[in-house]
C-alpha cells in the first residue's frame, strides 16, 4: 500500500489530484491537509510514503513544512536499520565481472 498525503489549500485541486492517483495507481491510500498545521499533525500521526506539497499555503509556507519533513527524513536515515543494510540485501546486484583479456 502506497500512502500519499496531499497538502493544498484548494479543495478542487486536492480532489483532482486524489482522483488521478486513485484511478492511476493500485493499492494507494490518499490523505489530505489544507494547511501546514493539519499536515504537521497528519505527518506526526501517520507514516506517509510521499507528501505532495503546495508551496504557497495560507499562514505558514509549504517551505516551512518541507524543512520539518527533511529533518524527519534525516533522523530516519540515522536511526533506521533499513537505511544501513548493504545494497545487496535491498535487491541491488554487483555488476558482472569483466573477463581479463
N, C-alpha and C. Protein backbone atom coordinates (compact mmCIF):
# COMPACT_ATOMS: atom_id res chain seq x y z
N UNK A 1 0.84 -1.18 0.00
CA UNK A 1 0.00 0.00 0.00
C UNK A 1 0.89 1.24 0.00
N UNK A 2 0.68 2.12 -0.94
CA UNK A 2 1.38 3.40 -1.00
C UNK A 2 0.51 4.44 -0.32
N UNK A 3 1.10 5.16 0.63
CA UNK A 3 0.36 6.18 1.37
C UNK A 3 0.85 7.56 0.94
N UNK A 4 -0.06 8.38 0.41
CA UNK A 4 0.28 9.70 -0.12
C UNK A 4 -0.55 10.76 0.60
N UNK A 5 0.12 11.80 1.08
CA UNK A 5 -0.55 12.92 1.72
C UNK A 5 -0.54 14.11 0.76
N UNK A 6 -1.73 14.64 0.46
CA UNK A 6 -1.86 15.84 -0.38
C UNK A 6 -2.02 17.05 0.52
N UNK A 7 -1.17 18.06 0.33
CA UNK A 7 -1.25 19.28 1.13
C UNK A 7 -1.47 20.44 0.17
N UNK A 8 -2.70 20.94 0.14
CA UNK A 8 -3.05 22.07 -0.73
C UNK A 8 -4.26 22.77 -0.13
N UNK A 9 -4.30 24.08 -0.24
CA UNK A 9 -5.41 24.83 0.35
C UNK A 9 -6.64 24.90 -0.55
N UNK A 10 -6.55 24.40 -1.77
CA UNK A 10 -7.69 24.41 -2.69
C UNK A 10 -8.33 23.03 -2.75
N UNK A 11 -9.56 22.90 -2.28
CA UNK A 11 -10.23 21.59 -2.27
C UNK A 11 -10.37 20.98 -3.67
N UNK A 12 -10.59 21.79 -4.68
CA UNK A 12 -10.74 21.27 -6.04
C UNK A 12 -9.43 20.65 -6.53
N UNK A 13 -8.31 21.28 -6.18
CA UNK A 13 -7.00 20.73 -6.57
C UNK A 13 -6.76 19.41 -5.86
N UNK A 14 -7.02 19.38 -4.55
CA UNK A 14 -6.84 18.12 -3.80
C UNK A 14 -7.71 17.01 -4.39
N UNK A 15 -8.96 17.34 -4.68
CA UNK A 15 -9.87 16.34 -5.23
C UNK A 15 -9.36 15.82 -6.58
N UNK A 16 -8.91 16.73 -7.44
CA UNK A 16 -8.42 16.32 -8.76
C UNK A 16 -7.19 15.43 -8.68
N UNK A 17 -6.25 15.83 -7.84
CA UNK A 17 -5.03 15.01 -7.69
C UNK A 17 -5.38 13.67 -7.06
N UNK A 18 -6.29 13.66 -6.09
CA UNK A 18 -6.73 12.41 -5.47
C UNK A 18 -7.29 11.47 -6.53
N UNK A 19 -8.17 11.98 -7.39
CA UNK A 19 -8.78 11.14 -8.43
C UNK A 19 -7.74 10.57 -9.38
N UNK A 20 -6.78 11.39 -9.77
CA UNK A 20 -5.71 10.91 -10.66
C UNK A 20 -4.93 9.79 -9.99
N UNK A 21 -4.59 9.97 -8.73
CA UNK A 21 -3.82 8.95 -8.01
C UNK A 21 -4.61 7.67 -7.81
N UNK A 22 -5.85 7.80 -7.37
CA UNK A 22 -6.68 6.62 -7.11
C UNK A 22 -6.98 5.87 -8.40
N UNK A 23 -7.26 6.60 -9.47
CA UNK A 23 -7.56 5.95 -10.75
C UNK A 23 -6.31 5.34 -11.40
N UNK A 24 -5.15 5.94 -11.17
CA UNK A 24 -3.95 5.51 -11.87
C UNK A 24 -3.06 4.54 -11.12
N UNK A 25 -3.23 4.43 -9.82
CA UNK A 25 -2.36 3.57 -9.02
C UNK A 25 -3.16 2.49 -8.30
N UNK A 26 -2.57 1.33 -8.19
CA UNK A 26 -3.18 0.27 -7.41
C UNK A 26 -2.69 0.37 -5.98
N UNK A 27 -3.52 -0.02 -5.04
CA UNK A 27 -3.15 -0.04 -3.62
C UNK A 27 -2.59 1.29 -3.13
N UNK A 28 -3.38 2.34 -3.31
CA UNK A 28 -2.96 3.66 -2.85
C UNK A 28 -3.94 4.17 -1.81
N UNK A 29 -3.40 4.81 -0.79
CA UNK A 29 -4.21 5.46 0.23
C UNK A 29 -3.83 6.94 0.20
N UNK A 30 -4.82 7.82 0.05
CA UNK A 30 -4.55 9.24 -0.09
C UNK A 30 -5.19 10.00 1.07
N UNK A 31 -4.36 10.77 1.78
CA UNK A 31 -4.84 11.63 2.84
C UNK A 31 -4.74 13.08 2.38
N UNK A 32 -5.42 13.96 3.10
CA UNK A 32 -5.43 15.37 2.70
C UNK A 32 -5.24 16.28 3.90
N UNK A 33 -4.60 17.42 3.64
CA UNK A 33 -4.49 18.50 4.61
C UNK A 33 -4.58 19.81 3.83
N UNK A 34 -5.24 20.81 4.43
CA UNK A 34 -5.43 22.07 3.72
C UNK A 34 -4.47 23.15 4.18
N UNK A 35 -3.68 22.87 5.22
CA UNK A 35 -2.72 23.87 5.69
C UNK A 35 -1.56 23.17 6.38
N UNK A 36 -0.57 23.96 6.74
CA UNK A 36 0.64 23.40 7.34
C UNK A 36 0.34 22.75 8.69
N UNK A 37 -0.51 23.36 9.49
CA UNK A 37 -0.83 22.80 10.80
C UNK A 37 -1.45 21.42 10.67
N UNK A 38 -2.42 21.28 9.78
CA UNK A 38 -3.05 19.98 9.56
C UNK A 38 -2.08 18.96 9.00
N UNK A 39 -1.19 19.41 8.12
CA UNK A 39 -0.20 18.50 7.54
C UNK A 39 0.77 18.01 8.61
N UNK A 40 1.22 18.92 9.47
CA UNK A 40 2.15 18.53 10.54
C UNK A 40 1.51 17.47 11.45
N UNK A 41 0.26 17.70 11.81
CA UNK A 41 -0.43 16.75 12.68
C UNK A 41 -0.54 15.39 11.99
N UNK A 42 -0.86 15.40 10.72
CA UNK A 42 -1.00 14.14 9.98
C UNK A 42 0.33 13.43 9.82
N UNK A 43 1.38 14.19 9.56
CA UNK A 43 2.71 13.59 9.39
C UNK A 43 3.20 12.99 10.69
N UNK A 44 2.95 13.67 11.81
CA UNK A 44 3.38 13.13 13.11
C UNK A 44 2.58 11.88 13.48
N UNK A 45 1.31 11.82 13.07
CA UNK A 45 0.46 10.72 13.47
C UNK A 45 0.50 9.52 12.55
N UNK A 46 0.79 9.74 11.28
CA UNK A 46 0.74 8.65 10.29
C UNK A 46 2.05 8.55 9.54
N UNK A 47 2.31 7.37 9.02
CA UNK A 47 3.51 7.17 8.21
C UNK A 47 3.19 7.30 6.73
N UNK A 48 3.62 8.39 6.13
CA UNK A 48 3.35 8.64 4.71
C UNK A 48 4.57 8.28 3.89
N UNK A 49 4.32 7.68 2.72
CA UNK A 49 5.40 7.35 1.80
C UNK A 49 5.78 8.55 0.94
N UNK A 50 4.80 9.43 0.69
CA UNK A 50 5.01 10.57 -0.19
C UNK A 50 4.12 11.71 0.26
N UNK A 51 4.67 12.92 0.22
CA UNK A 51 3.88 14.13 0.51
C UNK A 51 3.91 15.00 -0.73
N UNK A 52 2.73 15.30 -1.28
CA UNK A 52 2.60 16.23 -2.40
C UNK A 52 2.23 17.57 -1.78
N UNK A 53 3.12 18.54 -1.90
CA UNK A 53 3.05 19.76 -1.10
C UNK A 53 2.94 21.01 -1.97
N UNK A 54 1.91 21.81 -1.72
CA UNK A 54 1.78 23.13 -2.32
C UNK A 54 2.69 24.07 -1.53
N UNK A 55 3.51 24.84 -2.21
CA UNK A 55 4.44 25.72 -1.53
C UNK A 55 3.75 26.96 -0.98
N UNK A 56 2.75 27.47 -1.70
CA UNK A 56 2.07 28.70 -1.28
C UNK A 56 0.77 28.35 -0.56
N UNK A 57 0.87 28.25 0.74
CA UNK A 57 -0.28 27.95 1.60
C UNK A 57 -0.58 29.16 2.47
N UNK A 58 -1.82 29.32 2.92
CA UNK A 58 -2.13 30.43 3.82
C UNK A 58 -1.46 30.22 5.18
N UNK A 59 -1.06 31.31 5.79
CA UNK A 59 -0.36 31.20 7.07
C UNK A 59 1.08 30.82 6.82
N UNK A 60 1.48 29.69 7.35
CA UNK A 60 2.85 29.22 7.13
C UNK A 60 3.01 28.71 5.71
N UNK A 61 4.20 28.85 5.19
CA UNK A 61 4.51 28.40 3.84
C UNK A 61 4.72 26.89 3.81
N UNK A 62 4.47 26.31 2.66
CA UNK A 62 4.78 24.90 2.48
C UNK A 62 6.28 24.65 2.62
N UNK A 63 7.09 25.68 2.36
CA UNK A 63 8.54 25.53 2.53
C UNK A 63 8.91 25.32 4.00
N UNK A 64 8.13 25.94 4.90
CA UNK A 64 8.36 25.71 6.33
C UNK A 64 8.12 24.25 6.68
N UNK A 65 7.06 23.70 6.12
CA UNK A 65 6.75 22.28 6.35
C UNK A 65 7.83 21.39 5.73
N UNK A 66 8.30 21.77 4.57
CA UNK A 66 9.35 21.00 3.90
C UNK A 66 10.60 20.90 4.76
N UNK A 67 10.94 21.98 5.45
CA UNK A 67 12.09 21.95 6.36
C UNK A 67 11.85 20.92 7.47
N UNK A 68 10.65 20.90 8.02
CA UNK A 68 10.31 19.93 9.07
C UNK A 68 10.40 18.50 8.55
N UNK A 69 9.89 18.29 7.35
CA UNK A 69 9.90 16.95 6.77
C UNK A 69 11.33 16.49 6.53
N UNK A 70 12.19 17.38 6.03
CA UNK A 70 13.57 16.98 5.77
C UNK A 70 14.31 16.63 7.06
N UNK A 71 13.96 17.27 8.17
CA UNK A 71 14.55 16.92 9.46
C UNK A 71 14.12 15.52 9.85
N UNK A 72 12.86 15.18 9.64
CA UNK A 72 12.36 13.85 9.95
C UNK A 72 13.06 12.81 9.09
N UNK A 73 13.25 13.11 7.81
CA UNK A 73 13.92 12.16 6.91
C UNK A 73 15.35 11.93 7.37
N UNK A 74 16.05 12.99 7.72
CA UNK A 74 17.43 12.83 8.19
C UNK A 74 17.47 11.98 9.46
N UNK A 75 16.54 12.21 10.37
CA UNK A 75 16.50 11.43 11.60
C UNK A 75 16.25 9.97 11.29
N UNK A 76 15.37 9.69 10.34
CA UNK A 76 15.09 8.31 9.96
C UNK A 76 16.31 7.65 9.35
N UNK A 77 17.04 8.37 8.57
CA UNK A 77 18.23 7.79 7.95
C UNK A 77 19.27 7.41 9.00
N UNK A 78 19.33 8.16 10.06
CA UNK A 78 20.33 7.88 11.09
C UNK A 78 19.93 6.71 11.98
N UNK A 79 18.64 6.51 12.18
CA UNK A 79 18.22 5.51 13.16
C UNK A 79 17.58 4.27 12.55
N UNK A 80 17.31 4.26 11.27
CA UNK A 80 16.61 3.13 10.67
C UNK A 80 17.59 2.05 10.22
N UNK A 81 17.33 0.83 10.65
CA UNK A 81 18.19 -0.27 10.22
C UNK A 81 18.03 -0.55 8.73
N UNK A 82 16.88 -0.20 8.16
CA UNK A 82 16.67 -0.42 6.72
C UNK A 82 17.61 0.44 5.90
N UNK A 83 17.99 1.58 6.44
CA UNK A 83 18.85 2.50 5.69
C UNK A 83 20.32 2.11 5.75
N UNK A 84 20.68 1.27 6.69
CA UNK A 84 22.10 0.93 6.81
C UNK A 84 22.41 -0.49 6.34
N UNK A 85 21.41 -1.18 5.80
CA UNK A 85 21.67 -2.51 5.26
C UNK A 85 22.51 -2.39 4.00
N UNK A 86 23.33 -3.36 3.71
CA UNK A 86 24.09 -3.33 2.46
C UNK A 86 23.16 -3.33 1.26
N UNK A 87 23.62 -2.74 0.16
CA UNK A 87 22.79 -2.66 -1.04
C UNK A 87 22.33 -4.03 -1.51
N UNK A 88 23.16 -5.03 -1.38
CA UNK A 88 22.79 -6.35 -1.88
C UNK A 88 21.57 -6.91 -1.16
N UNK A 89 21.36 -6.56 0.10
CA UNK A 89 20.20 -7.07 0.82
C UNK A 89 18.92 -6.33 0.43
N UNK A 90 19.05 -5.21 -0.29
CA UNK A 90 17.88 -4.47 -0.76
C UNK A 90 17.59 -4.77 -2.22
N UNK A 91 18.24 -5.79 -2.78
CA UNK A 91 17.92 -6.19 -4.14
C UNK A 91 18.94 -5.72 -5.18
N UNK A 92 19.91 -4.90 -4.81
CA UNK A 92 20.91 -4.45 -5.78
C UNK A 92 21.91 -5.56 -6.00
N UNK A 93 22.40 -5.65 -7.18
CA UNK A 93 23.39 -6.67 -7.51
C UNK A 93 24.66 -6.01 -8.02
N UNK A 94 25.75 -6.68 -7.79
CA UNK A 94 27.02 -6.18 -8.31
C UNK A 94 27.06 -6.36 -9.81
N UNK A 95 27.78 -5.50 -10.52
CA UNK A 95 27.88 -5.68 -11.97
C UNK A 95 28.63 -6.97 -12.28
N UNK A 96 28.37 -7.58 -13.46
CA UNK A 96 29.07 -8.82 -13.80
C UNK A 96 30.57 -8.56 -13.88
N UNK A 97 31.34 -9.58 -13.48
CA UNK A 97 32.79 -9.46 -13.54
C UNK A 97 33.26 -9.41 -14.98
N UNK A 98 34.24 -8.57 -15.25
CA UNK A 98 34.81 -8.48 -16.59
C UNK A 98 35.87 -9.54 -16.76
N UNK A 99 35.94 -10.09 -17.94
CA UNK A 99 36.97 -11.08 -18.19
C UNK A 99 38.29 -10.37 -18.47
N UNK A 100 39.39 -10.95 -18.04
CA UNK A 100 40.71 -10.33 -18.22
C UNK A 100 41.24 -10.72 -19.59
N UNK A 101 41.00 -9.89 -20.57
CA UNK A 101 41.54 -10.19 -21.93
C UNK A 101 42.32 -9.04 -22.45
